[in-house]
Amino acid sequence: MNYDFKLPDIGEGLTEGELVKWHVKEGDTVKENDPICNVLTDKAEVEIPSPKNGKIAKLAAKVGEKVKVHETLVTFELAGGDSKPAAAPASAAPAQTASKSATATTSSTATVSATPAVRKLASDLKVDLAKISGTGPAGRITEDDVRRAANGTAVHAANGAAKPAAAAAGDEQIPFIGIRRKTAEKMAESWRAVPHVSHMDEVDFTALVKLRQEMKAEAEKKSVKLTYLPFIIKALIKTFKEFPQFNATLDEKAGAIIHKRDYHIGIAASTPSGLMVPVVKDAGKKDILTLASDIHRLADKARAGKIEAPELSGGTFTITNIGPIGGLFATPIINYPEVAILAVMKMQERPIVKDGAVQIRTMANLVLTFDHRVTDGAQAASFMNTLVKALENPKTLL
C-alpha cells in the first residue's frame, strides 16, 4: 500500500517552504519520527519527521525547490499492500509548477518565483506575475517589482532580463539555497525599502570591563556565560526610553510610526547554515544574568540548528556583535521592518586624551544604522551620546 505524505502546516502562517536537505533517499526504510528532510520557512529551518514506518518509494521535490503546504513531499511504500510505488499526484510537483493557489492571479503565475506575500500583493493590484521579470535574488519577483508593474514601469519578461555568466570549467558552484538565500532576500528587501544612514561613535569600555570581571564569579556559580551583550542591551533599553523612535516600525499603509512598548532584541548569530537572528523577548523585564543566559541559550540553539521559528520572530531592534571576529568599522543593514541596528566593533586598548592626559583605555567603535524616513541624523547623534554615556557608567545599568 502506498501513502502520500504532504508538507504539514507547521504554523507561523506558512503557505510554502523551501526544501533545503533530504535525510533519506528512494529505497530507504524509515521508522516513525525519523527525520525525512529540512524545510526552510520565512523564520527558521524546520526538520520534518516521518509520520509512519515504511520504505521511501518516491521523493517528490528536489533540494532548492519550493513545496506548498499540503503538497506531497514523500510517497511511502507501507507493509502489507501493493509494493509498486504510486505515481506522484499533480499536487506532488515542485512548488514552481502550476497550482490553483488563491494567491496567484492566473494559472501561469504559479510558475514564477515569488513569495506568498508578493503573490498576494500581485493579486490585490491585479498584476500578472508571468509578464514581469524579477529583480530579486535568482530572478525572484519582489514587492517593488509588482508595484512598478502596477504603475506601468516594470521590466517585462519579454525584454529579457540580464543573466549572470555561466560557470566556466573548473569553477565551483555552491547551491544558492536555504538560509543563505533567505538572508539574501531579506537584505535585498531591506536595502530597496529603506534609506539607510549610518552614524559611528566610540565608547570607553574600561569601566564595563572591570564590572564584568567583578560579576563573572557570580555568573559562573549560576552556570551563566557573562559577555558584554547583556550590558549593551540594558544600555539600549535605557536609551530607548528617551528615544523611542529607534525601537519602532513604520506602517506605511496606515501612515504611522509605531513606537514599540516592549523590547525584543535580536542578536545576529553566525551559524553553519548562515546568519540567524534569535530574539531575546521582553528584554526590558530581565536582569543582566537572565539576559546573559537567554543569549547563550538562543545562540547555542541557532548554531545547533535547533532554533524554533517563534525564537526568530518579533524583534524590535537588532545588535550585530562583530567585535569578537575583528574590525573597526562596518555599515550593517537594518533587519527590516525594524528601523535601526547597532554594530559593536572590536574592543581594544587605545591611547586617548582623558582629563588632559594621554591614557590607555579599552575602546570600541559603535555603528548605528537607521531608517532616515523615521528619524534624522541629529536624533541619531543624540541617541548615540546617551547610549555611550550609559555604557561608560555601567553600574547605572544594574
Protein backbone atom coordinates (compact mmCIF):
# COMPACT_ATOMS: atom_id res chain seq x y z
CA MET A 1 0.00 0.00 0.00
CA ASN A 2 1.27 3.46 -0.85
CA TYR A 3 0.89 6.57 1.28
CA ASP A 4 1.49 10.17 0.16
CA PHE A 5 2.90 12.33 2.96
CA LYS A 6 2.15 16.00 2.37
CA LEU A 7 4.00 19.03 3.75
CA PRO A 8 2.19 19.77 7.02
CA ASP A 9 1.09 23.18 8.21
CA ILE A 10 3.73 23.89 10.86
CA GLY A 11 2.28 27.23 11.86
CA GLU A 12 3.57 30.81 11.60
CA GLY A 13 1.21 31.38 8.63
CA LEU A 14 3.29 29.06 6.45
CA THR A 15 2.00 28.56 2.91
CA GLU A 16 5.16 27.10 1.38
CA GLY A 17 8.66 26.04 2.36
CA GLU A 18 11.98 25.63 0.58
CA LEU A 19 13.38 22.10 0.66
CA VAL A 20 16.98 22.51 1.82
CA LYS A 21 18.05 18.96 2.70
CA TRP A 22 16.91 15.35 2.31
CA HIS A 23 17.85 12.94 5.11
CA VAL A 24 16.59 9.97 3.08
CA LYS A 25 16.75 8.63 -0.47
CA GLU A 26 14.41 6.47 -2.51
CA GLY A 27 14.59 2.87 -1.30
CA ASP A 28 15.48 3.74 2.29
CA THR A 29 13.50 2.21 5.14
CA VAL A 30 12.47 4.63 7.86
CA LYS A 31 10.73 4.47 11.20
CA GLU A 32 8.10 6.82 12.54
CA ASN A 33 9.68 10.12 13.73
CA ASP A 34 12.92 9.54 11.82
CA PRO A 35 13.98 12.82 10.13
CA ILE A 36 12.97 12.95 6.47
CA CYS A 37 14.03 16.42 5.36
CA ASN A 38 14.68 20.02 6.40
CA VAL A 39 12.35 22.75 5.15
CA LEU A 40 13.08 26.47 5.38
CA THR A 41 10.17 28.71 6.28
CA ASP A 42 10.24 32.51 6.43
CA LYS A 43 11.51 32.22 10.01
CA ALA A 44 13.59 29.10 10.51
CA GLU A 45 14.84 25.79 9.16
CA VAL A 46 12.50 23.02 10.37
CA GLU A 47 13.18 19.29 10.47
CA ILE A 48 10.24 17.23 9.18
CA PRO A 49 9.88 13.76 10.78
CA SER A 50 8.44 10.63 9.20
CA PRO A 51 4.77 10.07 10.08
CA LYS A 52 4.97 6.29 9.61
CA ASN A 53 7.16 3.20 9.35
CA GLY A 54 7.83 2.29 5.74
CA LYS A 55 10.00 2.41 2.66
CA ILE A 56 10.67 5.59 0.69
CA ALA A 57 9.13 4.94 -2.73
CA LYS A 58 9.42 8.44 -4.20
CA LEU A 59 10.79 11.85 -3.26
CA ALA A 60 8.52 14.48 -4.76
CA ALA A 61 10.82 17.51 -4.74
CA LYS A 62 14.47 18.45 -5.23
CA VAL A 63 16.71 20.43 -2.90
CA GLY A 64 16.18 24.14 -3.52
CA GLU A 65 12.60 23.78 -4.73
CA LYS A 66 9.55 25.31 -3.08
CA VAL A 67 6.84 23.00 -1.78
CA LYS A 68 3.43 24.31 -0.82
CA VAL A 69 1.65 23.24 2.35
CA HIS A 70 -0.46 20.13 1.63
CA GLU A 71 1.60 19.19 -1.43
CA THR A 72 3.22 15.74 -1.41
CA LEU A 73 6.75 15.52 -0.03
CA VAL A 74 7.24 11.76 0.02
CA THR A 75 5.42 8.65 -1.20
CA PHE A 76 5.81 5.75 1.24
CA GLU A 77 5.52 2.07 0.47
CA LEU A 78 3.85 0.55 3.53
CA ALA A 79 3.97 -3.11 4.52
CA GLY A 80 1.06 -5.37 3.59
CA GLY A 81 -0.03 -3.67 0.39
CA ASP A 82 0.84 -3.06 -3.23
CA SER A 83 4.61 -2.75 -3.40
CA LYS A 84 4.58 -0.73 -6.63
CA PRO A 85 5.32 2.94 -5.92
CA ALA A 86 2.41 5.24 -6.66
CA ALA A 87 2.82 7.84 -9.34
CA ALA A 88 3.27 11.24 -7.76
CA PRO A 89 -0.02 13.12 -7.92
CA ALA A 90 -0.26 16.52 -9.57
CA SER A 91 -0.01 18.15 -6.15
CA ALA A 92 3.37 16.49 -5.59
CA ALA A 93 5.07 18.58 -8.25
CA PRO A 94 7.56 21.18 -7.04
CA ALA A 95 6.11 24.44 -5.84
CA GLN A 96 7.10 26.22 -9.03
CA THR A 97 4.71 24.13 -11.13
CA ALA A 98 1.17 25.35 -11.73
CA SER A 99 -1.30 25.10 -8.85
CA LYS A 100 -4.70 26.55 -8.03
CA SER A 101 -3.37 28.82 -5.33
CA ALA A 102 -5.60 31.66 -4.23
CA THR A 103 -2.57 33.91 -4.24
CA ALA A 104 -1.91 33.53 -7.97
CA THR A 105 -3.55 35.94 -10.37
CA THR A 106 -3.63 33.40 -13.22
CA SER A 107 -2.60 29.76 -13.57
CA SER A 108 0.58 30.83 -15.38
CA THR A 109 1.81 32.91 -12.43
CA ALA A 110 2.42 29.79 -10.34
CA THR A 111 5.48 29.03 -12.48
CA VAL A 112 7.29 32.23 -11.47
CA SER A 113 9.49 32.70 -8.42
CA ALA A 114 7.68 34.82 -5.81
CA THR A 115 6.85 34.59 -2.12
CA PRO A 116 3.26 34.25 -0.89
CA ALA A 117 3.27 37.90 0.23
CA VAL A 118 4.32 39.04 -3.26
CA ARG A 119 1.67 36.85 -4.88
CA LYS A 120 -0.96 38.33 -2.55
CA LEU A 121 0.13 41.86 -3.48
CA ALA A 122 0.01 40.97 -7.18
CA SER A 123 -3.49 39.62 -6.74
CA ASP A 124 -4.61 42.77 -4.91
CA LEU A 125 -3.10 45.05 -7.59
CA LYS A 126 -4.27 42.80 -10.45
CA VAL A 127 -0.73 42.29 -11.78
CA ASP A 128 0.12 39.24 -13.92
CA LEU A 129 3.37 37.92 -12.46
CA ALA A 130 4.10 35.92 -15.61
CA LYS A 131 4.55 39.15 -17.58
CA ILE A 132 7.29 40.74 -15.48
CA SER A 133 10.87 39.83 -14.60
CA GLY A 134 12.08 39.68 -11.03
CA THR A 135 14.96 41.82 -9.79
CA GLY A 136 15.43 39.82 -6.59
CA PRO A 137 17.92 37.01 -5.90
CA ALA A 138 17.79 34.25 -8.52
CA GLY A 139 15.25 36.27 -10.51
CA ARG A 140 12.66 36.26 -7.75
CA ILE A 141 9.88 38.83 -8.13
CA THR A 142 9.79 41.35 -5.30
CA GLU A 143 7.07 43.64 -3.94
CA ASP A 144 8.80 46.58 -5.64
CA ASP A 145 8.64 44.72 -8.97
CA VAL A 146 4.89 44.25 -8.51
CA ARG A 147 4.32 47.89 -7.59
CA ARG A 148 6.34 49.04 -10.60
CA ALA A 149 4.25 46.77 -12.80
CA ALA A 150 1.07 48.23 -11.32
CA ASN A 151 2.39 51.71 -12.17
CA GLY A 152 3.41 50.66 -15.68
CA THR A 153 7.17 50.83 -15.08
CA ALA A 154 8.01 47.14 -14.76
CA VAL A 155 10.77 45.27 -16.57
CA HIS A 156 8.74 42.86 -18.70
CA ALA A 157 9.77 39.28 -19.20
CA ALA A 158 9.72 39.68 -22.98
CA ASN A 159 12.53 42.25 -22.77
CA GLY A 160 14.93 39.62 -21.46
CA ALA A 161 16.42 40.36 -18.06
CA ALA A 162 20.18 40.27 -17.70
CA LYS A 163 21.55 36.90 -16.66
CA PRO A 164 24.79 36.08 -14.85
CA ALA A 165 27.58 34.46 -16.84
CA ALA A 166 27.55 30.67 -16.91
CA ALA A 167 30.10 28.82 -14.80
CA ALA A 168 33.37 28.11 -16.59
CA ALA A 169 35.29 24.86 -16.44
CA GLY A 170 36.88 24.44 -13.02
CA ASP A 171 34.57 26.93 -11.29
CA GLU A 172 32.95 25.73 -8.07
CA GLN A 173 29.17 26.07 -7.95
CA ILE A 174 27.62 26.41 -4.49
CA PRO A 175 23.83 25.91 -4.33
CA PHE A 176 22.15 29.23 -3.52
CA ILE A 177 19.53 27.79 -1.18
CA GLY A 178 18.42 27.68 2.43
CA ILE A 179 19.45 30.28 5.00
CA ARG A 180 21.91 31.89 2.57
CA ARG A 181 19.17 32.63 0.03
CA LYS A 182 16.71 33.68 2.73
CA THR A 183 19.28 36.12 4.12
CA ALA A 184 19.88 37.49 0.63
CA GLU A 185 16.17 38.05 0.10
CA LYS A 186 15.77 39.80 3.45
CA MET A 187 18.80 42.04 2.93
CA ALA A 188 17.76 42.95 -0.62
CA GLU A 189 14.24 43.76 0.59
CA SER A 190 15.63 45.99 3.35
CA TRP A 191 18.05 47.78 1.02
CA ARG A 192 15.31 48.53 -1.52
CA ALA A 193 12.72 49.62 1.03
CA VAL A 194 14.80 51.66 3.48
CA PRO A 195 17.04 54.74 3.01
CA HIS A 196 19.96 53.63 5.21
CA VAL A 197 22.15 56.09 7.11
CA SER A 198 24.98 55.08 9.46
CA HIS A 199 26.34 57.05 12.41
CA MET A 200 29.52 56.00 14.25
CA ASP A 201 30.82 56.86 17.70
CA GLU A 202 33.36 55.39 20.10
CA VAL A 203 32.84 54.21 23.64
CA ASP A 204 35.23 53.77 26.56
CA PHE A 205 34.55 50.26 27.85
CA THR A 206 37.18 50.41 30.62
CA ALA A 207 34.66 50.63 33.48
CA LEU A 208 32.46 47.94 31.91
CA VAL A 209 35.41 45.57 31.55
CA LYS A 210 36.07 45.96 35.28
CA LEU A 211 32.40 45.50 36.24
CA ARG A 212 32.03 42.39 34.09
CA GLN A 213 35.13 40.90 35.70
CA GLU A 214 33.65 41.56 39.14
CA MET A 215 30.38 39.84 38.19
CA LYS A 216 31.89 36.78 36.47
CA ALA A 217 32.22 34.78 39.69
CA GLU A 218 28.53 35.25 40.48
CA ALA A 219 27.63 34.31 36.90
CA GLU A 220 29.78 31.16 36.98
CA LYS A 221 28.06 29.98 40.17
CA LYS A 222 24.82 30.03 38.19
CA SER A 223 26.46 28.40 35.14
CA VAL A 224 25.95 31.58 33.12
CA LYS A 225 28.41 32.79 30.48
CA LEU A 226 28.62 36.55 31.02
CA THR A 227 29.55 38.58 27.92
CA TYR A 228 29.24 42.30 27.23
CA LEU A 229 26.00 41.91 25.26
CA PRO A 230 23.64 41.93 28.31
CA PHE A 231 25.10 45.27 29.40
CA ILE A 232 24.72 46.66 25.87
CA ILE A 233 21.09 45.53 25.81
CA LYS A 234 20.47 47.21 29.17
CA ALA A 235 22.09 50.42 27.92
CA LEU A 236 20.00 50.32 24.75
CA ILE A 237 16.75 49.91 26.67
CA LYS A 238 17.67 52.84 28.89
CA THR A 239 18.33 54.89 25.74
CA PHE A 240 15.09 53.78 24.03
CA LYS A 241 13.10 55.32 26.87
CA GLU A 242 14.47 58.72 25.81
CA PHE A 243 14.46 57.98 22.07
CA PRO A 244 11.53 55.58 21.38
CA GLN A 245 11.69 56.18 17.62
CA PHE A 246 14.62 53.74 17.39
CA ASN A 247 12.60 50.87 18.87
CA ALA A 248 9.87 51.21 16.30
CA THR A 249 8.48 50.27 12.91
CA LEU A 250 6.96 52.27 10.05
CA ASP A 251 3.47 51.28 8.94
CA GLU A 252 3.36 52.91 5.51
CA LYS A 253 -0.14 51.68 4.77
CA ALA A 254 -1.55 53.26 7.94
CA GLY A 255 0.73 56.29 7.61
CA ALA A 256 2.06 55.86 11.15
CA ILE A 257 5.34 55.35 13.01
CA ILE A 258 4.70 52.79 15.74
CA HIS A 259 6.84 53.10 18.88
CA LYS A 260 7.05 49.61 20.38
CA ARG A 261 6.29 49.43 24.09
CA ASP A 262 8.19 46.14 24.52
CA TYR A 263 11.86 45.49 23.88
CA HIS A 264 12.53 42.33 21.88
CA ILE A 265 16.22 42.45 20.98
CA GLY A 266 17.59 40.40 18.09
CA ILE A 267 21.18 39.14 18.34
CA ALA A 268 22.74 38.38 14.95
CA ALA A 269 24.47 34.99 15.13
CA SER A 270 26.74 33.31 12.60
CA THR A 271 25.81 29.64 12.25
CA PRO A 272 26.97 26.79 9.99
CA SER A 273 23.79 27.32 7.94
CA GLY A 274 24.24 31.11 7.67
CA LEU A 275 23.19 34.23 9.53
CA MET A 276 20.31 33.92 12.01
CA VAL A 277 18.86 36.49 14.41
CA PRO A 278 17.48 34.89 17.60
CA VAL A 279 15.33 37.32 19.59
CA VAL A 280 15.63 37.92 23.32
CA LYS A 281 11.99 38.56 24.24
CA ASP A 282 10.90 41.10 26.86
CA ALA A 283 14.48 42.18 27.46
CA GLY A 284 13.33 45.19 29.46
CA LYS A 285 11.98 42.90 32.20
CA LYS A 286 15.19 40.90 32.70
CA ASP A 287 18.33 41.43 34.76
CA ILE A 288 21.90 41.11 33.45
CA LEU A 289 22.36 37.43 34.29
CA THR A 290 18.97 36.41 32.88
CA LEU A 291 19.78 38.24 29.65
CA ALA A 292 23.16 36.50 29.53
CA SER A 293 21.53 33.11 29.99
CA ASP A 294 18.95 33.81 27.26
CA ILE A 295 21.58 35.00 24.80
CA HIS A 296 23.76 31.94 25.33
CA ARG A 297 20.82 29.51 25.11
CA LEU A 298 19.46 31.03 21.90
CA ALA A 299 22.87 31.25 20.22
CA ASP A 300 23.59 27.59 21.04
CA LYS A 301 20.23 26.52 19.61
CA ALA A 302 20.80 28.53 16.44
CA ARG A 303 24.26 27.06 15.85
CA ALA A 304 22.97 23.55 16.51
CA GLY A 305 20.12 24.04 14.03
CA LYS A 306 17.54 23.56 16.81
CA ILE A 307 16.19 27.10 16.93
CA GLU A 308 12.40 27.36 16.58
CA ALA A 309 10.50 29.84 14.42
CA PRO A 310 8.98 31.86 17.32
CA GLU A 311 12.51 32.42 18.68
CA LEU A 312 13.48 34.15 15.42
CA SER A 313 10.48 36.45 15.12
CA GLY A 314 9.05 39.55 16.74
CA GLY A 315 12.26 41.56 17.09
CA THR A 316 12.06 45.34 17.59
CA PHE A 317 15.81 46.14 17.32
CA THR A 318 18.92 44.14 16.37
CA ILE A 319 22.52 44.04 17.60
CA THR A 320 25.30 42.61 15.46
CA ASN A 321 28.40 41.96 17.56
CA ILE A 322 31.30 41.91 15.10
CA GLY A 323 33.95 42.69 17.69
CA PRO A 324 35.00 39.14 18.65
CA ILE A 325 35.87 38.50 15.00
CA GLY A 326 37.57 41.87 14.43
CA GLY A 327 37.11 45.08 12.51
CA LEU A 328 36.96 48.79 13.31
CA PHE A 329 34.00 49.90 11.21
CA ALA A 330 31.06 48.43 9.29
CA THR A 331 27.70 49.59 7.94
CA PRO A 332 25.12 46.95 8.92
CA ILE A 333 21.84 46.58 7.02
CA ILE A 334 18.65 47.08 9.01
CA ASN A 335 16.67 43.96 9.89
CA TYR A 336 13.52 45.22 8.15
CA PRO A 337 10.81 46.07 9.24
CA GLU A 338 12.78 47.29 12.25
CA VAL A 339 14.12 50.83 11.86
CA ALA A 340 17.65 50.56 13.31
CA ILE A 341 20.52 48.20 14.02
CA LEU A 342 23.64 48.56 16.19
CA ALA A 343 27.04 47.11 15.26
CA VAL A 344 29.55 46.59 18.06
CA MET A 345 33.10 46.56 16.73
CA LYS A 346 36.43 45.28 18.06
CA MET A 347 37.30 46.18 21.63
CA GLN A 348 40.96 47.10 22.09
CA GLU A 349 43.27 49.23 24.18
CA ARG A 350 43.99 52.62 22.62
CA PRO A 351 45.71 55.82 23.77
CA ILE A 352 43.19 58.62 24.28
CA VAL A 353 43.24 62.01 25.92
CA LYS A 354 41.26 61.98 29.19
CA ASP A 355 41.30 64.67 31.85
CA GLY A 356 44.04 66.47 29.97
CA ALA A 357 46.40 63.48 29.86
CA VAL A 358 47.07 60.60 27.49
CA GLN A 359 45.74 57.36 28.95
CA ILE A 360 45.44 53.78 27.73
CA ARG A 361 41.75 52.87 27.74
CA THR A 362 39.69 49.93 26.43
CA MET A 363 37.84 51.42 23.46
CA ALA A 364 35.45 50.20 20.79
CA ASN A 365 33.50 51.73 17.94
CA LEU A 366 29.72 51.54 17.73
CA VAL A 367 27.83 51.98 14.47
CA LEU A 368 24.12 52.79 14.37
CA THR A 369 22.36 52.32 11.04
CA PHE A 370 18.88 53.84 10.96
CA ASP A 371 15.91 54.38 8.67
CA HIS A 372 16.06 58.00 7.52
CA ARG A 373 12.31 58.01 6.90
CA VAL A 374 11.67 57.56 10.60
CA THR A 375 14.38 59.63 12.24
CA ASP A 376 17.21 62.03 11.40
CA GLY A 377 20.95 62.44 11.89
CA ALA A 378 20.69 64.83 14.84
CA GLN A 379 18.46 62.40 16.72
CA ALA A 380 20.82 59.53 15.87
CA ALA A 381 23.77 61.50 17.25
CA SER A 382 21.86 62.26 20.45
CA PHE A 383 20.81 58.61 20.73
CA MET A 384 24.44 57.53 20.50
CA ASN A 385 25.57 60.15 23.03
CA THR A 386 23.06 58.78 25.53
CA LEU A 387 23.99 55.17 24.77
CA VAL A 388 27.72 55.88 25.17
CA LYS A 389 27.11 57.65 28.50
CA ALA A 390 25.17 54.62 29.80
CA LEU A 391 27.90 52.18 28.75
CA GLU A 392 30.63 54.31 30.28
CA ASN A 393 28.72 54.32 33.59
CA PRO A 394 27.74 50.64 33.67
CA LYS A 395 26.74 50.43 37.34
CA THR A 396 23.67 52.51 36.43
CA LEU A 397 22.53 49.52 34.35
CA LEU A 398 22.29 47.09 37.28
